[in-house]
Structures are given as C-alpha cells and as structure tokens.
Amino acid sequence: QHSSLISQLLIQLVPGEAMAEEFSSLEAELLDAAKAGNIDHIVALLKDVGKLHHLWQPNGIQRAAIDKAADTVLRRQGSDPPDEGAPEASFGKAGEKERLLKGYMVSSVNEWGADQTRILLLTDQAIHRVKFDFQCDKVVKWHTDDLDEILRVEYGNFQAASSSLTTMFLRHEIEDQHGFRVFTLRRDGKPSINDIVAEERVQRQGPDAQTQLEYFREYRALLAESEPWKEEVFMLEFIAALQAVKVLKRAKFEIR
C-alpha cells in the first residue's frame, strides 16, 4: 500500500512518466535489499552513481562536508568516547558500527519557522542533523534522533511558515512546500511559543492526563525555490530510503 501510494504521487509530481517508473523501481529495490538485510546494496542504490534514478547528488564542496560530518558524528563500534570537544556524545551500541546510508544538504525549519541550512545523515541507527561551518570546514554541533525515539514521520504538503526568511523573499508565489516532519517525544531545540502553551495546558490537566506531548522538526530540499518540483523528488527519495531503514531494523515508527 505504501509503495503504491508513492508510485501514484511520483506519476503526478515527477516530470515525465519514465522518471516516475524509475523511482518506483528504486523503492522496490530498496525494500527488497532491506528485507534481505543487504545494507551494502541499499547504500549503492542511494548513491545512484549512474544517475539511473535521478536521485539527489551533492556537489564537491557538499560531499566533502558530508564526509567530514559523518566521520565526526557517526558512532563507532562498541562504546568509543567522542573526540575531544565534540558537542554531543558519540557512543555506539555494543558490538555495532553505525553505517551511513546517505547524507543530504537540507533546509531545516526550526521551532520559530526559520530556514536553516543543515546536513542530514540517514544511518541504520538514527537521523542526525548537523550544523556545519563551511568557512572553517568543521562540524559545529549536531542533534540525533535514534530510530527507537521516532514516533512517526509525516510527509507531503506543509504550509510555508510566515516567519521564514526563505518564504518572505523567495517564495512569493508558492503557497505550500513539500517536505517531511520527524515527530519525537523529546523537544528538538528551544521551546517555541506553541510548545510553552501546550506544556502549560498539559500541566493544568493534572497528573492523570492522558495527553502526550509531541515535538517535530521539518525538512525539505535545500534551495529548491527556482525549481519547486525538486522538493517532491527529494522528499520521496528520503521517504523511500527511510522506509528501507524501517524494514531493515524493524523499527516501530509510522510513515504516513
């Protein structure tokens, strides 16, 4: 059902029927590789070296930054300590080495609706969002959502945030954006006004309240304003890859 939904969306959104068929084929191959536990094949498919599926590809500068981010952030086998000065701990699960499936340059919408350029690392254990200083060529900080911390991932059309600088200056004629949101029980970033109001409401309900607070971070294609169709292509590529990770690791979060 999930595969058929993505295929239908691609036929409507991706320029050309041939490209839609290629993406549908890619998703089927990713899921087959995940079911077989073949992580190397998943990585190879997402690299799309021959550009058979028209997947997102970094330029030289972006590739170098993604490689450096992965080298800094990904957790090593066992419980190796993080590098000196690392902003967050980088401990791996016992006996496991974290594998990078693909890194992306994204526009991350923070708790105030502002667009931020970030590196997003999809691995077999987590989603890492990395702030990278291109002038100093170094990782500044990162945030990690482990697979077992993710409640669900929603994708589709999201209304552009009115406070977003990108929306204000570059998206005058585009009413909504295509992207995905990662929902967790853990706050990601500083509390927004909406967070504060929601938390106060739950507190007023008392200790027996059944309300569960959720937080999310929104992502979409970086600098796709001139060619908005790229947002849909990027979104569906990432969702297909995430679906493969979910199957590979038997993760419990929803994708919808």
Protein backbone atom coordinates (compact mmCIF):
# COMPACT_ATOMS: atom_id res chain seq x y z
CA GLN A 1 0.00 0.00 0.00
CA HIS A 2 2.80 2.41 0.92
CA SER A 3 4.71 1.57 -2.27
CA SER A 4 1.63 2.08 -4.44
CA LEU A 5 0.95 5.49 -2.80
CA ILE A 6 4.47 6.74 -3.54
CA SER A 7 4.24 5.47 -7.11
CA GLN A 8 0.97 7.34 -7.65
CA LEU A 9 2.43 10.54 -6.22
CA LEU A 10 5.52 10.27 -8.39
CA ILE A 11 3.48 9.89 -11.56
CA GLN A 12 1.75 13.17 -10.69
CA LEU A 13 4.77 15.08 -9.41
CA VAL A 14 7.94 13.99 -11.21
CA PRO A 15 8.48 15.38 -14.73
CA GLY A 16 8.00 12.53 -17.15
CA GLU A 17 6.46 9.11 -16.82
CA ALA A 18 9.82 7.40 -17.30
CA MET A 19 11.27 9.07 -14.21
CA ALA A 20 8.22 8.03 -12.17
CA GLU A 21 8.78 4.43 -13.20
CA GLU A 22 12.46 4.68 -12.24
CA PHE A 23 11.59 5.93 -8.75
CA SER A 24 9.00 3.19 -8.33
CA SER A 25 11.63 0.65 -9.35
CA LEU A 26 14.12 2.19 -6.90
CA GLU A 27 11.71 1.90 -3.99
CA ALA A 28 11.03 -1.75 -4.76
CA GLU A 29 14.78 -2.46 -4.96
CA LEU A 30 15.42 -0.65 -1.65
CA LEU A 31 12.72 -2.67 0.12
CA ASP A 32 13.99 -5.94 -1.35
CA ALA A 33 17.52 -5.13 -0.15
CA ALA A 34 16.19 -4.20 3.31
CA LYS A 35 14.23 -7.45 3.62
CA ALA A 36 17.38 -9.37 2.67
CA GLY A 37 19.42 -7.41 5.22
CA ASN A 38 21.73 -6.20 2.44
CA ILE A 39 22.80 -2.79 3.67
CA ASP A 40 25.63 -2.50 1.13
CA HIS A 41 23.10 -2.71 -1.71
CA ILE A 42 20.93 -0.04 -0.05
CA VAL A 43 23.93 2.29 0.09
CA ALA A 44 24.82 1.58 -3.54
CA LEU A 45 21.25 2.25 -4.71
CA LEU A 46 21.13 5.59 -2.89
CA LYS A 47 24.47 6.66 -4.36
CA ASP A 48 22.87 6.31 -7.82
CA VAL A 49 26.30 6.59 -9.46
CA GLY A 50 24.92 6.07 -12.97
CA LYS A 51 22.10 8.55 -12.28
CA LEU A 52 19.58 5.89 -13.24
CA HIS A 53 17.00 7.16 -10.76
CA HIS A 54 17.82 10.90 -10.80
CA LEU A 55 18.47 10.98 -7.06
CA TRP A 56 19.88 13.95 -5.19
CA GLN A 57 23.64 14.31 -5.61
CA PRO A 58 25.97 16.63 -3.63
CA ASN A 59 28.49 18.86 -5.34
CA GLY A 60 32.18 18.57 -4.44
CA ILE A 61 32.06 21.00 -1.51
CA GLN A 62 28.90 19.45 -0.12
CA ARG A 63 30.30 15.92 -0.47
CA ALA A 64 33.43 16.86 1.49
CA ALA A 65 31.30 18.44 4.24
CA ILE A 66 29.01 15.41 4.42
CA ASP A 67 32.01 13.08 4.68
CA LYS A 68 33.53 15.16 7.48
CA ALA A 69 30.18 15.33 9.29
CA ALA A 70 29.77 11.56 9.08
CA ASP A 71 33.32 10.99 10.33
CA THR A 72 32.61 13.24 13.35
CA VAL A 73 29.07 12.20 14.21
CA LEU A 74 28.65 8.51 13.42
CA ARG A 75 29.07 6.18 16.36
CA ARG A 76 31.87 3.66 16.27
CA GLN A 77 31.75 0.01 17.25
CA GLY A 78 31.32 -0.55 20.96
CA SER A 79 31.50 2.48 23.22
CA ASP A 80 34.31 4.58 21.86
CA PRO A 81 34.41 8.01 23.52
CA PRO A 82 33.69 11.09 21.39
CA ASP A 83 36.51 13.24 20.05
CA GLU A 84 37.74 15.94 22.40
CA GLY A 85 35.50 18.99 22.18
CA ALA A 86 32.64 17.14 20.43
CA PRO A 87 29.35 18.88 21.24
CA GLU A 88 27.42 15.67 21.89
CA ALA A 89 28.35 12.15 22.95
CA SER A 90 29.03 9.66 20.16
CA PHE A 91 28.66 6.27 21.78
CA GLY A 92 27.72 3.29 19.64
CA LYS A 93 25.54 0.37 20.62
CA ALA A 94 27.58 -2.52 21.93
CA GLY A 95 29.01 -4.57 19.09
CA GLU A 96 27.55 -2.37 16.35
CA LYS A 97 29.16 0.10 13.99
CA GLU A 98 26.80 2.76 12.68
CA ARG A 99 26.53 2.75 8.88
CA LEU A 100 25.83 5.85 6.80
CA LEU A 101 23.22 5.21 4.11
CA LYS A 102 23.29 8.70 2.61
CA GLY A 103 23.92 12.31 3.58
CA TYR A 104 21.85 15.24 2.32
CA MET A 105 22.00 19.02 2.34
CA VAL A 106 18.62 20.19 3.60
CA SER A 107 16.65 23.18 4.70
CA SER A 108 15.69 22.56 8.33
CA VAL A 109 12.79 24.63 9.69
CA ASN A 110 13.45 25.37 13.34
CA GLU A 111 10.98 25.92 16.19
CA TRP A 112 10.46 29.55 15.14
CA GLY A 113 9.79 28.76 11.47
CA ALA A 114 13.19 29.93 10.24
CA ASP A 115 15.04 28.03 7.49
CA GLN A 116 18.50 26.74 8.42
CA THR A 117 20.99 25.04 6.11
CA ARG A 118 21.92 21.69 7.64
CA ILE A 119 23.41 18.31 6.76
CA LEU A 120 21.07 15.38 7.34
CA LEU A 121 22.70 11.98 7.84
CA LEU A 122 20.48 8.93 7.46
CA THR A 123 22.07 5.85 9.03
CA ASP A 124 21.00 2.36 10.01
CA GLN A 125 20.55 3.60 13.59
CA ALA A 126 19.43 7.22 13.51
CA ILE A 127 18.81 10.50 11.76
CA HIS A 128 21.49 13.09 12.56
CA ARG A 129 21.04 16.79 11.85
CA VAL A 130 24.40 18.54 11.61
CA LYS A 131 25.30 22.23 11.67
CA PHE A 132 28.43 22.63 9.57
CA ASP A 133 30.64 25.72 9.28
CA PHE A 134 31.76 25.75 5.64
CA GLN A 135 34.19 28.65 6.16
CA CYS A 136 36.02 26.87 8.97
CA ASP A 137 35.39 23.43 7.46
CA LYS A 138 34.18 21.87 10.70
CA VAL A 139 31.15 20.48 12.49
CA VAL A 140 29.68 22.98 14.94
CA LYS A 141 27.07 20.79 16.63
CA TRP A 142 24.53 18.10 15.90
CA HIS A 143 21.26 16.59 17.07
CA THR A 144 20.44 12.88 16.92
CA ASP A 145 17.08 11.11 16.73
CA ASP A 146 17.61 7.38 17.22
CA LEU A 147 15.18 5.14 15.35
CA ASP A 148 13.57 3.98 18.59
CA GLU A 149 12.96 7.62 19.62
CA ILE A 150 10.97 8.47 16.48
CA LEU A 151 7.19 8.30 16.88
CA ARG A 152 6.32 8.83 13.23
CA VAL A 153 7.37 10.63 10.06
CA GLU A 154 4.79 12.57 8.06
CA TYR A 155 5.39 13.76 4.52
CA GLY A 156 3.52 15.83 1.96
CA ASN A 157 2.42 19.45 1.60
CA PHE A 158 3.10 21.77 4.51
CA GLN A 159 2.11 25.42 4.54
CA ALA A 160 5.10 27.75 4.36
CA ALA A 161 5.97 29.33 7.70
CA SER A 162 5.16 33.05 7.65
CA SER A 163 8.30 33.87 9.67
CA SER A 164 10.62 32.02 7.30
CA LEU A 165 13.07 34.30 5.51
CA THR A 166 13.04 31.92 2.57
CA THR A 167 9.27 32.26 2.33
CA MET A 168 9.38 36.02 2.73
CA PHE A 169 11.89 36.73 -0.04
CA LEU A 170 11.89 33.79 -2.42
CA ARG A 171 8.55 32.02 -2.32
CA HIS A 172 6.01 34.77 -3.05
CA GLU A 173 4.00 32.64 -5.46
CA ILE A 174 4.36 29.27 -3.73
CA GLU A 175 1.66 28.68 -1.14
CA ASP A 176 2.91 25.40 0.28
CA GLN A 177 6.02 23.32 0.49
CA HIS A 178 6.74 19.62 0.14
CA GLY A 179 8.78 18.04 2.88
CA PHE A 180 8.67 15.72 5.85
CA ARG A 181 8.39 16.07 9.61
CA VAL A 182 10.08 13.85 12.20
CA PHE A 183 7.99 13.54 15.39
CA THR A 184 9.52 12.61 18.76
CA LEU A 185 8.65 12.87 22.44
CA ARG A 186 11.85 14.82 23.06
CA ARG A 187 11.99 18.54 22.34
CA ASP A 188 14.31 19.41 19.48
CA GLY A 189 15.69 22.88 20.11
CA LYS A 190 14.49 25.66 22.40
CA PRO A 191 10.80 25.86 23.40
CA SER A 192 8.64 27.81 20.95
CA ILE A 193 5.54 29.74 21.99
CA ASN A 194 3.39 26.81 20.84
CA ASP A 195 5.46 24.42 22.96
CA ILE A 196 5.06 26.59 26.05
CA VAL A 197 1.28 26.88 25.58
CA ALA A 198 0.94 23.10 25.03
CA GLU A 199 3.06 22.26 28.07
CA GLU A 200 1.05 24.64 30.28
CA ARG A 201 -2.19 23.05 29.04
CA VAL A 202 -0.95 19.57 29.97
CA GLN A 203 0.18 20.78 33.40
CA ARG A 204 -3.29 22.20 34.06
CA GLN A 205 -4.83 18.81 33.24
CA GLY A 206 -3.05 17.29 36.21
CA PRO A 207 -1.05 14.08 36.76
CA ASP A 208 -3.82 11.82 35.40
CA ALA A 209 -3.90 13.49 31.99
CA GLN A 210 -3.58 11.16 29.01
CA THR A 211 -2.24 13.86 26.69
CA GLN A 212 1.18 13.06 25.24
CA LEU A 213 3.29 15.98 24.08
CA GLU A 214 4.94 15.60 20.70
CA TYR A 215 7.61 17.68 19.01
CA PHE A 216 8.69 17.74 15.39
CA ARG A 217 11.33 19.14 13.07
CA GLU A 218 10.52 19.83 9.42
CA TYR A 219 12.87 19.25 6.47
CA ARG A 220 12.74 19.98 2.76
CA ALA A 221 15.07 20.26 -0.23
CA LEU A 222 17.72 22.96 0.03
CA LEU A 223 17.47 25.90 -2.40
CA ALA A 224 14.66 24.41 -4.47
CA GLU A 225 12.83 27.72 -4.87
CA SER A 226 13.73 28.12 -8.55
CA GLU A 227 12.64 24.54 -9.34
CA PRO A 228 9.95 23.63 -6.77
CA TRP A 229 9.36 20.18 -8.27
CA LYS A 230 12.71 19.14 -6.77
CA GLU A 231 11.12 19.33 -3.32
CA GLU A 232 8.79 16.43 -4.15
CA VAL A 233 11.60 14.38 -5.67
CA PHE A 234 13.86 14.90 -2.64
CA MET A 235 11.02 14.18 -0.20
CA LEU A 236 10.05 10.92 -1.86
CA GLU A 237 13.66 9.78 -2.17
CA PHE A 238 14.24 10.29 1.55
CA ILE A 239 10.95 8.61 2.49
CA ALA A 240 11.78 5.59 0.32
CA ALA A 241 15.21 5.35 1.99
CA LEU A 242 13.67 5.73 5.45
CA GLN A 243 11.13 3.02 4.66
CA ALA A 244 14.05 0.72 3.81
CA VAL A 245 15.73 1.54 7.14
CA LYS A 246 12.48 0.83 8.97
CA VAL A 247 12.25 -2.61 7.36
CA LEU A 248 15.97 -3.29 7.82
CA LYS A 249 15.90 -2.55 11.56
CA ARG A 250 12.26 -3.49 12.21
CA ALA A 251 11.66 -0.04 13.62
CA LYS A 252 8.21 0.69 15.04
CA PHE A 253 7.67 4.30 13.94
CA GLU A 254 4.96 5.14 11.42
CA ILE A 255 5.50 6.71 8.00
CA ARG A 256 2.46 8.43 6.59
